């Protein structure tokens, strides 16, 4: 379902690098770490909220930052909230 590769997020004066990983349907994932390490930024990307990042973040084989606003809305309505 989600595939992350070479993901980087710039925040103020620092860059947060994420490890490459995949999350499949039914996978249980724990995201933990100290303050400022990028947990909320990662969840914002996976939740289709944040789209200003470097690298690749895919949902069902589609690059998140290339989805139109309509596609994001449809996906959230039909797959996440249903």
N, C-alpha and C. Protein backbone atom coordinates (compact mmCIF):
# COMPACT_ATOMS: atom_id res chain seq x y z
N UNK A 1 0.82 -1.19 0.00
CA UNK A 1 0.00 0.00 0.00
C UNK A 1 0.87 1.27 0.00
N UNK A 2 1.83 1.37 0.92
CA UNK A 2 2.75 2.51 0.96
C UNK A 2 4.16 2.04 0.68
N UNK A 3 4.89 2.83 -0.10
CA UNK A 3 6.29 2.54 -0.38
C UNK A 3 7.07 3.84 -0.27
N UNK A 4 8.08 3.87 0.59
CA UNK A 4 8.90 5.05 0.82
C UNK A 4 10.31 4.75 0.36
N UNK A 5 10.89 5.64 -0.45
CA UNK A 5 12.25 5.45 -0.95
C UNK A 5 12.96 6.80 -1.04
N UNK A 6 14.13 6.87 -0.46
CA UNK A 6 14.96 8.09 -0.49
C UNK A 6 14.19 9.33 -0.03
N UNK A 7 13.31 9.18 0.93
CA UNK A 7 12.46 10.29 1.39
C UNK A 7 13.24 11.24 2.29
N UNK A 8 13.11 12.53 1.96
CA UNK A 8 13.72 13.60 2.76
C UNK A 8 12.71 14.73 2.91
N UNK A 9 12.66 15.29 4.10
CA UNK A 9 11.79 16.43 4.37
C UNK A 9 12.66 17.54 4.94
N UNK A 10 12.56 18.72 4.34
CA UNK A 10 13.29 19.88 4.85
C UNK A 10 12.37 20.65 5.79
N UNK A 11 12.90 20.94 6.96
CA UNK A 11 12.12 21.67 7.95
C UNK A 11 13.03 22.71 8.60
N UNK A 12 12.70 23.97 8.37
CA UNK A 12 13.51 25.09 8.83
C UNK A 12 14.96 24.89 8.39
N UNK A 13 15.86 24.67 9.33
CA UNK A 13 17.27 24.57 8.96
C UNK A 13 17.81 23.14 9.03
N UNK A 14 16.93 22.14 8.97
CA UNK A 14 17.42 20.77 8.99
C UNK A 14 16.70 19.91 7.97
N UNK A 15 17.34 18.79 7.65
CA UNK A 15 16.78 17.82 6.70
C UNK A 15 16.55 16.52 7.45
N UNK A 16 15.36 15.98 7.33
CA UNK A 16 15.03 14.72 7.96
C UNK A 16 15.09 13.64 6.88
N UNK A 17 15.95 12.65 7.06
CA UNK A 17 16.08 11.51 6.14
C UNK A 17 15.33 10.32 6.74
N UNK A 18 14.52 9.66 5.92
CA UNK A 18 13.78 8.49 6.38
C UNK A 18 14.35 7.24 5.73
N UNK A 19 14.31 6.12 6.44
CA UNK A 19 14.76 4.86 5.83
C UNK A 19 13.74 4.41 4.79
N UNK A 20 14.20 3.64 3.81
CA UNK A 20 13.28 3.07 2.83
C UNK A 20 12.46 1.98 3.51
N UNK A 21 11.16 1.93 3.21
CA UNK A 21 10.31 0.88 3.77
C UNK A 21 9.03 0.76 2.97
N UNK A 22 8.34 -0.35 3.20
CA UNK A 22 7.03 -0.59 2.61
C UNK A 22 6.07 -1.00 3.71
N UNK A 23 4.83 -0.57 3.58
CA UNK A 23 3.76 -0.96 4.50
C UNK A 23 2.67 -1.59 3.66
N UNK A 24 2.35 -2.84 3.94
CA UNK A 24 1.31 -3.55 3.19
C UNK A 24 -0.02 -3.52 3.90
N UNK A 25 -1.06 -3.98 3.21
CA UNK A 25 -2.39 -4.07 3.82
C UNK A 25 -2.32 -5.01 5.02
N UNK A 26 -2.89 -4.59 6.12
CA UNK A 26 -2.93 -5.42 7.31
C UNK A 26 -1.69 -5.33 8.18
N UNK A 27 -0.66 -4.63 7.72
CA UNK A 27 0.55 -4.48 8.52
C UNK A 27 0.28 -3.55 9.70
N UNK A 28 0.83 -3.91 10.84
CA UNK A 28 0.75 -3.07 12.02
C UNK A 28 2.11 -2.39 12.17
N UNK A 29 2.10 -1.06 12.27
CA UNK A 29 3.34 -0.29 12.28
C UNK A 29 3.38 0.60 13.51
N UNK A 30 4.55 0.64 14.14
CA UNK A 30 4.78 1.51 15.28
C UNK A 30 5.79 2.57 14.84
N UNK A 31 5.44 3.83 15.04
CA UNK A 31 6.35 4.93 14.71
C UNK A 31 6.70 5.62 16.02
N UNK A 32 7.96 5.52 16.40
CA UNK A 32 8.37 6.15 17.65
C UNK A 32 9.72 6.81 17.47
N UNK A 33 9.99 7.76 18.33
CA UNK A 33 11.27 8.46 18.29
C UNK A 33 11.18 9.72 19.13
N UNK A 34 12.30 10.34 19.29
CA UNK A 34 12.36 11.54 20.11
C UNK A 34 11.71 12.73 19.40
N UNK A 35 11.49 13.77 20.13
CA UNK A 35 10.88 14.98 19.60
C UNK A 35 11.73 15.56 18.46
N UNK A 36 11.07 15.95 17.38
CA UNK A 36 11.76 16.60 16.27
C UNK A 36 12.38 15.66 15.26
N UNK A 37 12.12 14.37 15.38
CA UNK A 37 12.75 13.40 14.48
C UNK A 37 11.96 13.20 13.18
N UNK A 38 10.72 13.71 13.12
CA UNK A 38 9.95 13.66 11.88
C UNK A 38 8.77 12.71 11.87
N UNK A 39 8.30 12.30 13.03
CA UNK A 39 7.15 11.39 13.10
C UNK A 39 5.90 12.02 12.50
N UNK A 40 5.60 13.23 12.91
CA UNK A 40 4.40 13.92 12.42
C UNK A 40 4.50 14.23 10.93
N UNK A 41 5.68 14.59 10.46
CA UNK A 41 5.87 14.85 9.03
C UNK A 41 5.61 13.59 8.22
N UNK A 42 6.12 12.45 8.71
CA UNK A 42 5.90 11.18 8.00
C UNK A 42 4.42 10.84 7.96
N UNK A 43 3.73 10.99 9.08
CA UNK A 43 2.30 10.70 9.11
C UNK A 43 1.51 11.66 8.22
N UNK A 44 1.96 12.90 8.13
CA UNK A 44 1.29 13.86 7.25
C UNK A 44 1.46 13.49 5.78
N UNK A 45 2.61 12.93 5.44
CA UNK A 45 2.82 12.47 4.06
C UNK A 45 1.95 11.25 3.79
N UNK A 46 1.98 10.27 4.69
CA UNK A 46 1.19 9.05 4.50
C UNK A 46 -0.31 9.34 4.54
N UNK A 47 -0.71 10.40 5.23
CA UNK A 47 -2.12 10.80 5.29
C UNK A 47 -2.53 11.71 4.16
N UNK A 48 -1.65 11.89 3.17
CA UNK A 48 -1.91 12.69 1.96
C UNK A 48 -2.11 14.17 2.27
N UNK A 49 -1.55 14.64 3.37
CA UNK A 49 -1.67 16.05 3.75
C UNK A 49 -0.46 16.84 3.27
N UNK A 50 0.72 16.35 3.58
CA UNK A 50 1.98 17.04 3.24
C UNK A 50 2.49 16.49 1.91
N UNK A 51 2.80 17.39 0.98
CA UNK A 51 3.26 16.94 -0.33
C UNK A 51 4.54 17.65 -0.77
N UNK A 52 5.19 18.33 0.15
CA UNK A 52 6.46 18.98 -0.19
C UNK A 52 7.60 18.18 0.46
N UNK A 53 8.11 17.24 -0.30
CA UNK A 53 9.19 16.37 0.15
C UNK A 53 10.05 16.00 -1.04
N UNK A 54 11.21 15.45 -0.76
CA UNK A 54 12.09 14.94 -1.81
C UNK A 54 12.07 13.42 -1.73
N UNK A 55 12.36 12.77 -2.83
CA UNK A 55 12.35 11.31 -2.85
C UNK A 55 10.99 10.81 -3.31
N UNK A 56 10.67 9.59 -2.93
CA UNK A 56 9.45 8.96 -3.40
C UNK A 56 8.60 8.46 -2.24
N UNK A 57 7.32 8.79 -2.28
CA UNK A 57 6.33 8.28 -1.35
C UNK A 57 5.13 7.85 -2.18
N UNK A 58 4.91 6.54 -2.26
CA UNK A 58 3.85 6.02 -3.11
C UNK A 58 2.73 5.40 -2.29
N UNK A 59 1.53 5.54 -2.80
CA UNK A 59 0.37 4.87 -2.24
C UNK A 59 -0.27 4.09 -3.39
N UNK A 60 -0.37 2.78 -3.21
CA UNK A 60 -0.90 1.90 -4.24
C UNK A 60 -0.22 2.12 -5.60
N UNK A 61 1.10 2.32 -5.57
CA UNK A 61 1.87 2.47 -6.81
C UNK A 61 1.85 3.86 -7.43
N UNK A 62 1.20 4.81 -6.80
CA UNK A 62 1.12 6.17 -7.33
C UNK A 62 1.87 7.13 -6.42
N UNK A 63 2.64 8.02 -7.02
CA UNK A 63 3.40 9.01 -6.26
C UNK A 63 2.44 9.99 -5.60
N UNK A 64 2.56 10.15 -4.29
CA UNK A 64 1.63 10.98 -3.53
C UNK A 64 1.64 12.43 -4.01
N UNK A 65 2.83 13.00 -4.24
CA UNK A 65 2.86 14.42 -4.61
C UNK A 65 2.35 14.69 -6.02
N UNK A 66 2.13 13.66 -6.80
CA UNK A 66 1.58 13.83 -8.15
C UNK A 66 0.07 13.67 -8.22
N UNK A 67 -0.56 13.30 -7.11
CA UNK A 67 -2.02 13.16 -7.09
C UNK A 67 -2.67 14.54 -7.12
N UNK A 68 -3.74 14.66 -7.89
CA UNK A 68 -4.48 15.91 -7.91
C UNK A 68 -5.28 16.04 -6.62
N UNK A 69 -5.76 17.25 -6.34
CA UNK A 69 -6.58 17.47 -5.14
C UNK A 69 -7.83 16.59 -5.19
N UNK A 70 -8.39 16.43 -6.38
CA UNK A 70 -9.58 15.59 -6.55
C UNK A 70 -9.27 14.12 -6.23
N UNK A 71 -8.11 13.64 -6.70
CA UNK A 71 -7.71 12.26 -6.43
C UNK A 71 -7.47 12.04 -4.94
N UNK A 72 -6.86 13.01 -4.28
CA UNK A 72 -6.64 12.92 -2.84
C UNK A 72 -7.99 12.86 -2.11
N UNK A 73 -8.89 13.75 -2.48
CA UNK A 73 -10.21 13.79 -1.85
C UNK A 73 -10.96 12.47 -2.06
N UNK A 74 -10.95 11.96 -3.29
CA UNK A 74 -11.61 10.69 -3.59
C UNK A 74 -10.99 9.54 -2.81
N UNK A 75 -9.66 9.52 -2.75
CA UNK A 75 -8.98 8.45 -2.03
C UNK A 75 -9.33 8.48 -0.55
N UNK A 76 -9.27 9.66 0.06
CA UNK A 76 -9.59 9.78 1.48
C UNK A 76 -11.06 9.40 1.75
N UNK A 77 -11.96 9.81 0.88
CA UNK A 77 -13.38 9.53 1.07
C UNK A 77 -13.71 8.06 0.86
N UNK A 78 -13.11 7.45 -0.16
CA UNK A 78 -13.50 6.10 -0.54
C UNK A 78 -12.66 4.98 0.06
N UNK A 79 -11.44 5.28 0.46
CA UNK A 79 -10.57 4.20 0.96
C UNK A 79 -10.19 4.36 2.41
N UNK A 80 -10.02 5.58 2.87
CA UNK A 80 -9.57 5.79 4.25
C UNK A 80 -10.78 5.89 5.19
N UNK A 81 -11.76 6.68 4.81
CA UNK A 81 -12.87 6.98 5.71
C UNK A 81 -14.10 6.11 5.50
N UNK A 82 -14.03 5.14 4.62
CA UNK A 82 -15.23 4.32 4.38
C UNK A 82 -15.22 3.06 5.19
